[in-house]
Protein backbone atom coordinates (compact mmCIF):
# COMPACT_ATOMS: atom_id res chain seq x y z
CA MET A 1 122.99 117.00 58.96
CA ILE A 2 124.84 113.49 58.96
CA ARG A 3 128.02 113.60 61.04
CA SER A 4 131.00 111.53 59.83
CA ARG A 5 134.54 110.65 60.92
CA VAL A 6 137.67 110.29 58.49
CA ARG A 7 139.63 107.65 58.72
CA LYS A 8 143.12 106.74 56.90
CA ILE A 9 142.97 103.41 54.92
CA ALA A 10 146.23 101.82 53.13
CA ILE A 11 145.91 100.68 49.54
CA ILE A 12 148.46 98.90 47.18
CA ALA A 13 149.87 101.30 44.40
CA ALA A 14 152.03 100.33 41.41
CA ALA A 15 155.44 98.86 41.63
CA GLY A 16 154.79 97.74 45.31
CA THR A 17 154.48 101.24 46.62
CA VAL A 18 151.90 102.27 49.35
CA ALA A 19 150.02 104.99 49.31
CA THR A 20 147.29 106.59 51.50
CA VAL A 21 143.64 108.18 50.68
CA SER A 22 140.90 109.39 52.88
CA ALA A 23 137.72 107.60 53.00
CA VAL A 24 134.66 108.62 54.61
CA ALA A 25 132.97 106.27 57.11
CA LEU A 26 129.46 107.30 57.91
CA ILE A 27 128.03 106.77 61.42
CA PRO A 28 124.42 106.71 62.37
CA PHE A 29 124.50 110.15 64.24
CA SER A 30 122.57 113.23 63.03
CA ALA A 31 123.32 116.43 64.18
CA SER A 32 120.47 118.83 65.76
CA ALA A 33 120.50 122.60 64.60
CA ASP A 34 122.90 123.28 67.81
CA GLY A 35 125.13 120.71 66.65
CA LEU A 36 124.57 118.28 69.32
CA THR A 37 123.61 114.63 68.30
CA ALA A 38 120.04 114.17 67.84
CA THR A 39 118.22 111.54 70.11
CA THR A 40 115.02 109.59 70.29
CA THR A 41 113.23 108.85 73.76
CA THR A 42 111.12 105.65 73.84
CA VAL A 43 108.73 104.64 76.95
CA SER A 44 108.19 100.87 77.75
CA ALA A 45 105.91 98.73 79.93
CA PRO A 46 104.87 95.23 80.83
CA THR A 47 102.30 94.08 78.00
CA THR A 48 99.53 93.57 80.73
CA VAL A 49 98.83 96.08 83.59
CA THR A 50 96.20 95.12 85.92
CA ASN A 51 94.41 97.47 88.27
CA GLY A 52 96.20 98.10 91.55
CA HIS A 53 99.42 95.94 90.84
CA ALA A 54 103.15 97.99 91.06
CA VAL A 55 104.70 98.78 87.63
CA THR A 56 107.74 99.77 86.26
CA PHE A 57 108.02 101.82 83.18
CA VAL A 58 111.34 102.14 81.39
CA ALA A 59 112.39 105.27 79.26
CA ALA A 60 115.30 104.73 76.85
CA VAL A 61 117.47 107.19 74.92
CA PHE A 62 118.90 106.33 71.54
CA PRO A 63 121.77 106.70 70.80
CA PHE A 64 123.30 107.23 74.28
CA LYS A 65 126.79 106.59 73.11
CA THR A 66 129.50 107.97 70.75
CA PRO A 67 131.66 105.51 68.60
CA ALA A 68 135.19 104.86 69.87
CA PRO A 69 136.54 106.60 71.91
CA VAL A 70 132.98 106.00 73.75
CA THR A 71 131.21 108.71 75.40
CA LYS A 72 127.92 107.96 77.19
CA ALA A 73 125.20 110.39 77.52
CA GLY A 74 124.63 112.24 80.57
CA GLY A 75 121.41 114.11 81.81
CA THR A 76 118.22 113.14 83.47
CA ILE A 77 114.71 111.99 82.41
CA SER A 78 111.41 113.32 83.74
CA PHE A 79 108.25 111.36 83.72
CA THR A 80 104.50 112.68 83.73
CA ILE A 81 101.95 109.99 84.03
CA THR A 82 98.30 111.20 83.77
CA GLY A 83 95.29 109.26 83.95
CA SER A 84 92.13 109.59 81.62
CA ASP A 85 90.24 111.21 84.67
CA ALA A 86 93.28 113.51 84.69
CA SER A 87 94.62 112.01 87.84
CA VAL A 88 98.42 112.31 88.28
CA VAL A 89 100.69 109.79 89.44
CA THR A 90 104.04 109.82 90.87
CA CYS A 91 106.83 107.55 90.69
CA THR A 92 108.26 106.14 93.80
CA GLY A 93 111.28 108.58 94.63
CA GLY A 94 109.63 111.29 92.29
CA ASN A 95 109.06 112.01 88.59
CA SER A 96 111.76 114.64 87.93
CA ALA A 97 115.44 114.49 87.09
CA LEU A 98 115.90 110.60 87.14
CA PRO A 99 119.40 109.89 85.97
CA LEU A 100 120.29 107.88 82.72
CA ASN A 101 122.02 104.63 83.80
CA GLY A 102 124.88 103.25 81.70
CA LYS A 103 122.68 101.75 79.09
CA GLY A 104 120.90 105.12 78.53
CA LYS A 105 117.96 104.28 80.49
CA ALA A 106 115.81 105.58 83.16
CA VAL A 107 113.25 103.77 85.34
CA CYS A 108 110.09 104.94 87.24
CA GLN A 109 108.35 102.56 89.60
CA VAL A 110 104.92 102.86 90.51
CA GLY A 111 103.51 101.34 93.46
CA PRO A 112 100.89 98.85 94.45
CA GLY A 113 97.22 100.22 94.51
CA ILE A 114 97.83 103.40 92.38
CA LEU A 115 97.13 102.67 88.59
CA LEU A 116 93.29 102.13 88.38
CA ALA A 117 91.24 100.71 85.80
CA SER A 118 88.83 103.43 86.30
CA ALA A 119 91.25 105.84 85.12
CA SER A 120 92.54 103.76 82.12
CA PRO A 121 94.23 104.64 79.82
CA TYR A 122 97.19 106.50 81.44
CA THR A 123 99.46 108.47 79.30
CA VAL A 124 103.09 108.06 80.48
CA SER A 125 105.44 110.51 78.85
CA ALA A 126 109.25 110.85 79.40
CA THR A 127 111.40 114.04 78.61
CA TYR A 128 114.98 113.44 77.79
CA GLY A 129 116.58 117.19 78.67
CA GLY A 130 119.87 116.25 77.14
CA ASP A 131 123.69 116.63 78.28
CA GLY A 132 124.39 120.00 77.02
CA THR A 133 127.73 118.81 75.34
CA LEU A 134 127.10 115.92 72.95
CA PHE A 135 123.53 114.73 73.10
CA ALA A 136 120.26 116.87 72.37
CA GLY A 137 116.95 116.33 74.26
CA SER A 138 113.96 114.56 73.24
CA SER A 139 110.74 113.03 74.49
CA GLY A 140 108.44 109.95 73.98
CA ASN A 141 105.24 108.82 75.34
CA LEU A 142 103.25 105.71 75.91
CA SER A 143 99.47 105.10 76.23
CA GLN A 144 98.96 102.37 79.02
CA PRO A 145 95.66 100.62 79.35
CA VAL A 146 94.81 99.13 83.01
CA SER A 147 92.55 96.20 83.14
CA LEU A 148 89.97 94.92 85.92
CA ALA A 149 91.55 93.11 88.82
CA LYS A 150 90.06 89.44 89.56
CA THR A 151 88.35 89.14 92.55
CA HIS A 152 87.44 86.32 94.95
CA ILE A 153 84.53 85.73 97.27
CA ALA A 154 84.70 84.31 100.78
CA LEU A 155 81.22 83.30 101.83
CA THR A 156 80.82 82.58 105.25
CA TYR A 157 77.89 82.28 108.13
CA ASP A 158 77.71 83.15 111.64
CA THR A 159 76.63 79.91 113.01
CA LYS A 160 76.37 76.66 111.05
CA PRO A 161 72.78 76.23 109.69
CA VAL A 162 70.26 74.13 111.85
CA SER A 163 66.53 73.25 111.23
CA GLY A 164 64.53 76.09 112.03
CA ALA A 165 67.36 78.79 113.38
CA PRO A 166 68.17 82.23 111.61
CA THR A 167 71.51 82.49 109.88
CA THR A 168 73.69 85.42 108.66
CA PHE A 169 75.86 84.63 105.65
CA THR A 170 78.62 87.12 104.60
CA ALA A 171 80.26 87.62 101.32
CA THR A 172 83.94 89.13 101.44
CA VAL A 173 84.97 90.34 98.10
CA THR A 174 88.89 90.89 97.58
CA GLY A 175 90.58 92.03 94.58
CA GLY A 176 94.46 93.00 95.17
CA ALA A 177 95.69 96.28 96.22
CA GLY A 178 94.12 99.70 95.79
CA SER A 179 90.57 100.82 96.17
CA LEU A 180 87.93 98.19 97.63
CA PRO A 181 85.39 96.69 95.69
CA THR A 182 82.16 98.54 95.41
CA GLY A 183 78.66 97.45 93.83
CA THR A 184 76.72 94.78 95.02
CA VAL A 185 76.35 90.97 95.82
CA LEU A 186 73.29 88.81 94.55
CA PHE A 187 72.56 86.15 96.95
CA SER A 188 70.67 82.92 95.96
CA VAL A 189 69.27 80.77 98.87
CA ILE A 190 67.88 77.43 98.42
CA SER A 191 66.61 74.83 101.24
CA LEU A 192 65.73 71.43 100.13
CA ASN A 193 62.69 70.31 102.42
CA GLY A 194 61.39 67.48 100.40
CA LYS A 195 60.78 70.04 97.72
CA SER A 196 62.74 73.28 96.47
CA ALA A 197 61.92 76.36 98.36
CA LYS A 198 63.62 79.71 98.05
CA ALA A 199 64.47 82.21 100.86
CA HIS A 200 65.31 85.67 100.69
CA CYS A 201 67.68 88.18 102.67
CA ASN A 202 65.55 90.10 105.28
CA PRO A 203 65.90 93.16 105.10
CA GLY A 204 66.75 94.18 101.67
CA GLY A 205 66.12 90.99 99.50
CA ALA A 206 68.43 89.06 97.41
CA LEU A 207 70.52 91.98 96.27
CA GLN A 208 72.77 93.27 98.99
CA PRO A 209 75.08 96.37 98.83
CA LEU A 210 79.07 95.85 99.61
CA ALA A 211 80.26 98.06 102.30
CA PRO A 212 83.69 98.52 103.95
CA SER A 213 83.92 96.32 107.02
CA THR A 214 85.06 97.78 110.44
CA GLY A 215 88.63 96.92 111.52
CA THR A 216 91.92 98.04 111.23
CA THR A 217 92.15 96.67 107.48
CA PRO A 218 88.86 97.15 105.99
CA VAL A 219 87.52 94.61 103.36
CA ALA A 220 84.48 94.96 101.11
CA GLN A 221 81.62 92.84 102.75
CA ALA A 222 77.88 92.20 102.07
CA THR A 223 75.64 90.47 104.21
CA CYS A 224 72.39 88.32 103.78
CA THR A 225 70.49 87.49 107.06
CA LEU A 226 67.88 84.82 106.75
CA VAL A 227 65.13 84.62 109.30
CA ALA A 228 64.07 81.53 111.38
CA ASN A 229 62.67 78.66 109.47
CA TRP A 230 64.64 79.45 106.43
CA PHE A 231 65.71 75.83 106.61
CA LYS A 232 63.91 73.22 107.93
CA VAL A 233 64.49 69.43 107.99
CA PRO A 234 61.37 67.43 107.54
CA ALA A 235 59.70 65.79 110.77
CA PRO A 236 60.62 62.17 110.90
CA SER A 237 58.18 59.49 109.60
CA LYS A 238 57.72 55.70 109.28
CA THR A 239 59.19 56.05 105.97
CA ASN A 240 61.98 58.43 106.81
CA PRO A 241 62.76 58.00 110.39
CA HIS A 242 66.18 60.05 110.00
CA PRO A 243 65.34 62.94 107.72
CA VAL A 244 68.12 65.07 106.49
CA GLY A 245 67.82 68.72 105.20
CA GLN A 246 70.08 70.33 102.51
CA TRP A 247 70.77 73.80 101.71
CA THR A 248 72.54 76.15 99.06
CA VAL A 249 73.69 79.58 99.36
CA GLY A 250 75.20 81.50 96.44
CA ALA A 251 76.77 84.69 95.97
CA SER A 252 77.55 86.60 92.78
CA TYR A 253 79.32 89.94 92.65
CA SER A 254 78.61 92.25 89.79
CA GLY A 255 81.71 93.93 89.46
CA ASP A 256 82.68 97.56 89.16
CA ALA A 257 85.09 100.11 87.10
CA ASN A 258 88.03 98.49 88.88
CA PHE A 259 87.07 94.76 89.87
CA GLY A 260 85.52 91.81 87.76
CA VAL A 261 82.95 89.65 88.43
CA SER A 262 83.20 86.55 90.62
CA THR A 263 80.89 83.99 92.22
CA ALA A 264 81.05 81.55 95.20
CA SER A 265 78.73 79.27 96.93
CA LEU A 266 78.28 77.35 100.14
CA HIS A 267 76.43 73.86 100.75
CA GLY A 268 75.44 71.94 103.67
CA THR A 269 73.18 69.47 105.36
CA SER A 270 71.72 69.04 108.70
CA LYS A 271 69.73 66.44 110.70
CA VAL A 272 66.66 67.23 113.00
């Protein structure tokens, strides 16, 4: 049923007299079965949501005010956020009874480290309970995908590689807030001793697992230990009295359900 209001307008009659007639002015408000103004609730979010990042969901009620004299909708909105793995997410400050602001909106803020790509997409539902006097309740929902987080590898060594000595390389993989990256890191080691010679991590070979580091703030790390003589500088000779050796170590992270792939490498030289 369409609700309307009646206003009086003046028209010019014959012989300069003035008469009034009633005119119907339609307004975009439809009434629900209980006589309240029917509403629509929508949910919006950023175009791109990345694993572990903070997100703000906004629920909007329309219409949220009457024509003049203006009366704005009251009442509250409740959010329900569920991952594809059935995990339940809570807004900062709670999900229920969030009041409408003066623009007919309620905001749900989700902190960092909560929305994960492994639980994508999330179903975000918002239910407006109405105000009991002018505006009826309604609900809306949104399917929110979450993309993989970009990762970065920091590749370090315990001591600077020198000819004939063992060396341990550590790959630290980071990717923002949330769970730590998991999976494996593939190490590639090349030392140039006049010709290319490949070396492998010992034990375990080239493919090494990521594991949380020890410490107050754990990070995901994989290590590659290279035994003595993995890198040797050629002996001096008459034609090459001051030889220099070169080495290259690469690390490639394979990614997981929340984090994307990344690579890094280190290069160095050493004299005898």
